[in-house]
């Protein structure tokens, strides 16, 4: 894996302040990031954590679509000044976690001025004080929105698969984030692995690149095995832990949660 070319150095983000905030990011789309964010939130709730899922993929939000959820308010209403961020948080039935939904296809949200975006981030960090954990489903890549919203997160989970483009883009995300904030806690989630052994090989590939080029060693948060039950849950707009709680992928996400919680004690 070679060191890809990346843009010039980025401005430093603010110091980490949201210790209970987990950002879920990826270098590219199509790696199962939103599904993982939903399942992670559900698993955290089942583990006794009061959890909020924030759809931070501004403009291409789809947490509500994957869940078949029709929120009364969303981020669009927050930005328009109709409701506060706290009022936009709504409990998703039968799971126990709250959701702040985005607004899919909204160019206005995707192109928020820097000051408004920073204000949204600060409001979210303030709201996070009311929860045990906040999971942010970020947009793919490392654009301004992703950097601003995920910068203060206590932990950032970078989701990748074994596809070369996914690995290269995940590495680029790690490189840019680490350069911008060397103290960021970045961890790898290998999704859709054929087996645990294959997942370990995928992690080894990105780890080697990080060690060789960045002198940095991101931890392995966990490996999620490929599971047809995931596609079934998404098609039925039902959380995996509700529809197929004993399947391999469900157990793998719950194992990730146990490691996250053990590390925070």
Protein backbone atom coordinates (compact mmCIF):
# COMPACT_ATOMS: atom_id res chain seq x y z
CA UNK A 1 0.00 0.00 0.00
CA UNK A 2 1.61 3.26 -1.10
CA UNK A 3 1.31 6.66 0.52
CA UNK A 4 -1.39 8.54 -1.46
CA UNK A 5 -1.13 12.20 -2.29
CA UNK A 6 -3.26 14.41 -0.04
CA UNK A 7 -4.14 18.10 0.19
CA UNK A 8 -2.01 20.70 1.92
CA UNK A 9 -1.92 20.82 5.71
CA UNK A 10 -5.27 21.55 7.32
CA UNK A 11 -6.05 24.05 10.04
CA UNK A 12 -5.98 22.56 13.51
CA UNK A 13 -9.33 21.59 14.97
CA UNK A 14 -10.22 22.45 18.56
CA UNK A 15 -8.83 20.21 21.30
CA UNK A 16 -10.82 17.09 22.15
CA UNK A 17 -13.71 17.96 24.43
CA UNK A 18 -16.36 15.33 23.83
CA UNK A 19 -14.95 12.33 25.68
CA UNK A 20 -18.26 10.46 25.38
CA UNK A 21 -18.65 11.24 21.66
CA UNK A 22 -17.87 8.50 19.13
CA UNK A 23 -17.44 9.62 15.52
CA UNK A 24 -17.97 6.94 12.86
CA UNK A 25 -16.11 7.86 9.70
CA UNK A 26 -14.71 6.36 6.51
CA UNK A 27 -12.53 7.38 3.62
CA UNK A 28 -15.19 6.40 1.09
CA UNK A 29 -18.85 5.50 0.90
CA UNK A 30 -20.28 2.01 0.58
CA UNK A 31 -18.46 0.46 3.53
CA UNK A 32 -21.52 0.11 5.79
CA UNK A 33 -20.82 3.14 7.96
CA UNK A 34 -24.45 4.17 8.55
CA UNK A 35 -25.59 0.62 9.28
CA UNK A 36 -22.72 0.27 11.72
CA UNK A 37 -23.57 3.57 13.43
CA UNK A 38 -27.17 2.43 13.94
CA UNK A 39 -26.15 -0.99 15.24
CA UNK A 40 -23.45 0.50 17.45
CA UNK A 41 -26.00 2.89 19.01
CA UNK A 42 -28.40 0.02 19.62
CA UNK A 43 -25.69 -2.15 21.15
CA UNK A 44 -24.55 0.68 23.43
CA UNK A 45 -28.14 1.11 24.60
CA UNK A 46 -28.48 -2.61 25.28
CA UNK A 47 -25.29 -2.35 27.33
CA UNK A 48 -26.98 0.22 29.57
CA UNK A 49 -25.75 3.43 27.94
CA UNK A 50 -28.15 6.33 27.40
CA UNK A 51 -27.28 6.91 23.73
CA UNK A 52 -27.89 9.53 21.05
CA UNK A 53 -27.33 8.84 17.34
CA UNK A 54 -26.55 12.01 15.40
CA UNK A 55 -26.80 11.85 11.60
CA UNK A 56 -23.85 14.05 10.68
CA UNK A 57 -23.83 13.18 6.98
CA UNK A 58 -25.26 16.60 6.15
CA UNK A 59 -27.01 16.68 2.80
CA UNK A 60 -26.92 12.90 2.27
CA UNK A 61 -28.45 11.81 5.54
CA UNK A 62 -30.02 8.34 5.56
CA UNK A 63 -30.18 7.04 9.14
CA UNK A 64 -33.94 7.66 9.15
CA UNK A 65 -34.30 5.92 5.77
CA UNK A 66 -32.47 2.79 6.92
CA UNK A 67 -34.75 2.63 9.94
CA UNK A 68 -38.00 3.58 8.21
CA UNK A 69 -38.26 6.42 10.70
CA UNK A 70 -40.22 9.61 10.03
CA UNK A 71 -38.95 12.21 12.51
CA UNK A 72 -41.13 15.10 13.54
CA UNK A 73 -38.09 17.40 13.44
CA UNK A 74 -34.65 17.12 11.86
CA UNK A 75 -31.46 19.12 11.44
CA UNK A 76 -33.12 21.23 8.81
CA UNK A 77 -35.56 22.51 11.42
CA UNK A 78 -32.65 23.20 13.78
CA UNK A 79 -30.71 25.18 11.19
CA UNK A 80 -33.85 27.13 10.28
CA UNK A 81 -34.26 28.12 13.93
CA UNK A 82 -37.57 26.27 14.33
CA UNK A 83 -36.40 23.97 17.15
CA UNK A 84 -33.34 23.52 19.35
CA UNK A 85 -30.99 20.60 18.81
CA UNK A 86 -32.29 19.00 22.01
CA UNK A 87 -35.88 19.23 20.74
CA UNK A 88 -34.85 17.54 17.49
CA UNK A 89 -33.71 14.42 19.40
CA UNK A 90 -36.43 11.77 19.24
CA UNK A 91 -36.58 8.28 20.72
CA UNK A 92 -36.57 5.52 18.13
CA UNK A 93 -39.29 3.03 19.14
CA UNK A 94 -38.32 -0.33 20.60
CA UNK A 95 -34.58 0.40 20.74
CA UNK A 96 -34.17 2.91 23.54
CA UNK A 97 -31.78 5.30 21.79
CA UNK A 98 -32.48 8.80 20.54
CA UNK A 99 -31.92 10.04 17.00
CA UNK A 100 -31.24 13.46 15.54
CA UNK A 101 -32.04 12.95 11.88
CA UNK A 102 -30.47 14.82 9.02
CA UNK A 103 -32.28 15.89 5.87
CA UNK A 104 -31.38 13.85 2.81
CA UNK A 105 -30.61 15.81 -0.33
CA UNK A 106 -30.38 19.16 1.45
CA UNK A 107 -27.71 21.27 -0.22
CA UNK A 108 -28.32 23.98 2.37
CA UNK A 109 -27.17 21.73 5.21
CA UNK A 110 -24.19 20.42 3.25
CA UNK A 111 -22.99 23.97 2.58
CA UNK A 112 -23.40 25.56 5.99
CA UNK A 113 -21.08 28.52 6.63
CA UNK A 114 -18.17 27.71 8.93
CA UNK A 115 -19.59 29.77 11.80
CA UNK A 116 -22.97 27.99 11.68
CA UNK A 117 -21.24 24.62 11.42
CA UNK A 118 -19.08 25.38 14.45
CA UNK A 119 -22.18 26.49 16.34
CA UNK A 120 -23.90 23.19 15.50
CA UNK A 121 -20.87 21.29 16.75
CA UNK A 122 -20.79 23.24 20.01
CA UNK A 123 -24.52 22.70 20.55
CA UNK A 124 -24.02 18.97 20.00
CA UNK A 125 -21.18 18.86 22.51
CA UNK A 126 -23.38 20.63 25.05
CA UNK A 127 -26.23 18.18 24.38
CA UNK A 128 -23.78 15.28 24.76
CA UNK A 129 -23.57 16.14 28.46
CA UNK A 130 -27.09 14.71 28.80
CA UNK A 131 -26.09 11.30 27.39
CA UNK A 132 -23.70 8.51 28.28
CA UNK A 133 -22.63 8.15 24.65
CA UNK A 134 -23.22 10.09 21.43
CA UNK A 135 -22.59 8.34 18.12
CA UNK A 136 -22.02 10.59 15.10
CA UNK A 137 -22.56 9.04 11.67
CA UNK A 138 -20.25 11.21 9.59
CA UNK A 139 -20.18 11.70 5.85
CA UNK A 140 -17.52 9.86 3.85
CA UNK A 141 -14.19 11.58 3.29
CA UNK A 142 -12.44 14.42 5.10
CA UNK A 143 -14.26 17.53 3.98
CA UNK A 144 -14.86 20.60 6.13
CA UNK A 145 -18.06 19.25 7.67
CA UNK A 146 -16.45 15.98 8.73
CA UNK A 147 -13.39 17.73 10.19
CA UNK A 148 -15.45 20.28 12.11
CA UNK A 149 -18.00 17.90 13.59
CA UNK A 150 -15.71 14.96 14.34
CA UNK A 151 -12.73 16.99 15.57
CA UNK A 152 -13.76 17.08 19.27
CA UNK A 153 -14.81 13.39 19.40
CA UNK A 154 -13.25 11.31 22.14
CA UNK A 155 -12.94 8.35 19.76
CA UNK A 156 -13.15 8.09 15.98
CA UNK A 157 -13.94 4.70 14.47
CA UNK A 158 -12.71 4.47 10.88
CA UNK A 159 -14.72 1.88 8.95
CA UNK A 160 -13.06 0.06 6.07
CA UNK A 161 -13.38 -3.12 4.03
CA UNK A 162 -10.75 -5.21 2.27
CA UNK A 163 -11.26 -3.42 -1.06
CA UNK A 164 -8.11 -1.53 -2.17
CA UNK A 165 -9.98 1.75 -2.69
CA UNK A 166 -11.54 1.50 0.77
CA UNK A 167 -8.17 0.80 2.38
CA UNK A 168 -6.44 3.63 0.51
CA UNK A 169 -9.16 6.13 1.40
CA UNK A 170 -9.27 4.98 5.04
CA UNK A 171 -5.51 5.48 5.23
CA UNK A 172 -5.86 8.96 3.71
CA UNK A 173 -8.51 9.80 6.34
CA UNK A 174 -6.22 8.62 9.13
CA UNK A 175 -3.27 10.54 7.70
CA UNK A 176 -5.15 13.82 7.45
CA UNK A 177 -6.82 13.46 10.84
CA UNK A 178 -3.62 12.46 12.59
CA UNK A 179 -1.73 15.36 10.99
CA UNK A 180 -4.45 17.80 12.06
CA UNK A 181 -4.88 16.38 15.56
CA UNK A 182 -2.04 14.05 16.66
CA UNK A 183 -3.85 13.28 19.93
CA UNK A 184 -6.98 11.96 18.18
CA UNK A 185 -7.99 8.44 19.24
CA UNK A 186 -8.41 6.69 15.88
CA UNK A 187 -9.45 3.03 15.75
CA UNK A 188 -10.10 0.71 12.83
CA UNK A 189 -13.30 -1.24 12.21
CA UNK A 190 -12.99 -3.85 9.46
CA UNK A 191 -16.46 -4.45 8.04
CA UNK A 192 -17.77 -7.22 5.78
CA UNK A 193 -14.80 -9.50 6.46
CA UNK A 194 -15.04 -13.04 5.07
CA UNK A 195 -13.66 -14.32 8.37
CA UNK A 196 -11.89 -13.05 11.47
CA UNK A 197 -8.58 -14.10 9.94
CA UNK A 198 -9.32 -12.14 6.75
CA UNK A 199 -10.29 -9.15 8.86
CA UNK A 200 -7.01 -9.33 10.72
CA UNK A 201 -5.14 -9.35 7.40
CA UNK A 202 -7.06 -6.26 6.28
CA UNK A 203 -6.20 -4.49 9.51
CA UNK A 204 -2.59 -5.57 9.10
CA UNK A 205 -2.47 -3.90 5.68
CA UNK A 206 -3.61 -0.50 6.90
CA UNK A 207 -1.59 -0.81 10.11
CA UNK A 208 1.60 -1.42 8.12
CA UNK A 209 0.97 1.66 5.99
CA UNK A 210 0.34 3.81 9.07
CA UNK A 211 3.46 2.55 10.81
CA UNK A 212 5.68 2.92 7.74
CA UNK A 213 4.55 6.36 6.61
CA UNK A 214 3.05 7.99 9.71
CA UNK A 215 4.91 6.27 12.55
CA UNK A 216 1.45 5.83 14.05
CA UNK A 217 -0.39 2.71 15.18
CA UNK A 218 -4.20 2.97 15.15
CA UNK A 219 -5.81 0.29 17.29
CA UNK A 220 -8.18 -2.36 15.98
CA UNK A 221 -11.65 -1.64 17.35
CA UNK A 222 -13.04 -4.84 15.91
CA UNK A 223 -13.89 -7.03 12.93
CA UNK A 224 -17.42 -7.49 11.63
CA UNK A 225 -17.96 -10.61 9.57
CA UNK A 226 -19.93 -10.53 6.33
CA UNK A 227 -23.48 -11.57 7.16
CA UNK A 228 -26.54 -11.81 4.91
CA UNK A 229 -28.69 -10.89 7.90
CA UNK A 230 -27.36 -7.32 7.60
CA UNK A 231 -28.80 -6.86 4.12
CA UNK A 232 -32.05 -8.45 5.28
CA UNK A 233 -32.33 -5.96 8.18
CA UNK A 234 -31.59 -2.97 5.95
CA UNK A 235 -34.14 -4.07 3.34
CA UNK A 236 -36.75 -4.43 6.07
CA UNK A 237 -35.76 -1.09 7.66
CA UNK A 238 -35.31 -2.81 11.00
CA UNK A 239 -32.32 -2.68 13.38
CA UNK A 240 -30.17 -5.80 13.13
CA UNK A 241 -30.21 -6.31 16.90
CA UNK A 242 -34.01 -6.39 16.76
CA UNK A 243 -34.42 -8.60 13.68
CA UNK A 244 -31.45 -10.97 14.03
CA UNK A 245 -29.84 -10.40 17.45
CA UNK A 246 -27.91 -13.70 17.47
CA UNK A 247 -26.29 -13.44 14.02
CA UNK A 248 -22.54 -13.12 13.52
CA UNK A 249 -22.54 -9.40 12.63
CA UNK A 250 -24.70 -8.56 15.66
CA UNK A 251 -22.34 -10.39 18.00
CA UNK A 252 -19.34 -8.70 16.39
CA UNK A 253 -20.76 -5.21 16.96
CA UNK A 254 -21.65 -6.06 20.54
CA UNK A 255 -18.05 -7.22 21.05
CA UNK A 256 -16.82 -3.84 19.76
CA UNK A 257 -19.07 -2.10 22.28
CA UNK A 258 -17.74 -4.21 25.14
CA UNK A 259 -14.18 -3.27 24.21
CA UNK A 260 -15.08 0.40 23.93
CA UNK A 261 -16.75 0.43 27.32
CA UNK A 262 -13.96 -1.58 28.95
CA UNK A 263 -11.43 0.95 27.64
CA UNK A 264 -13.36 3.88 29.09
CA UNK A 265 -13.41 2.61 32.66
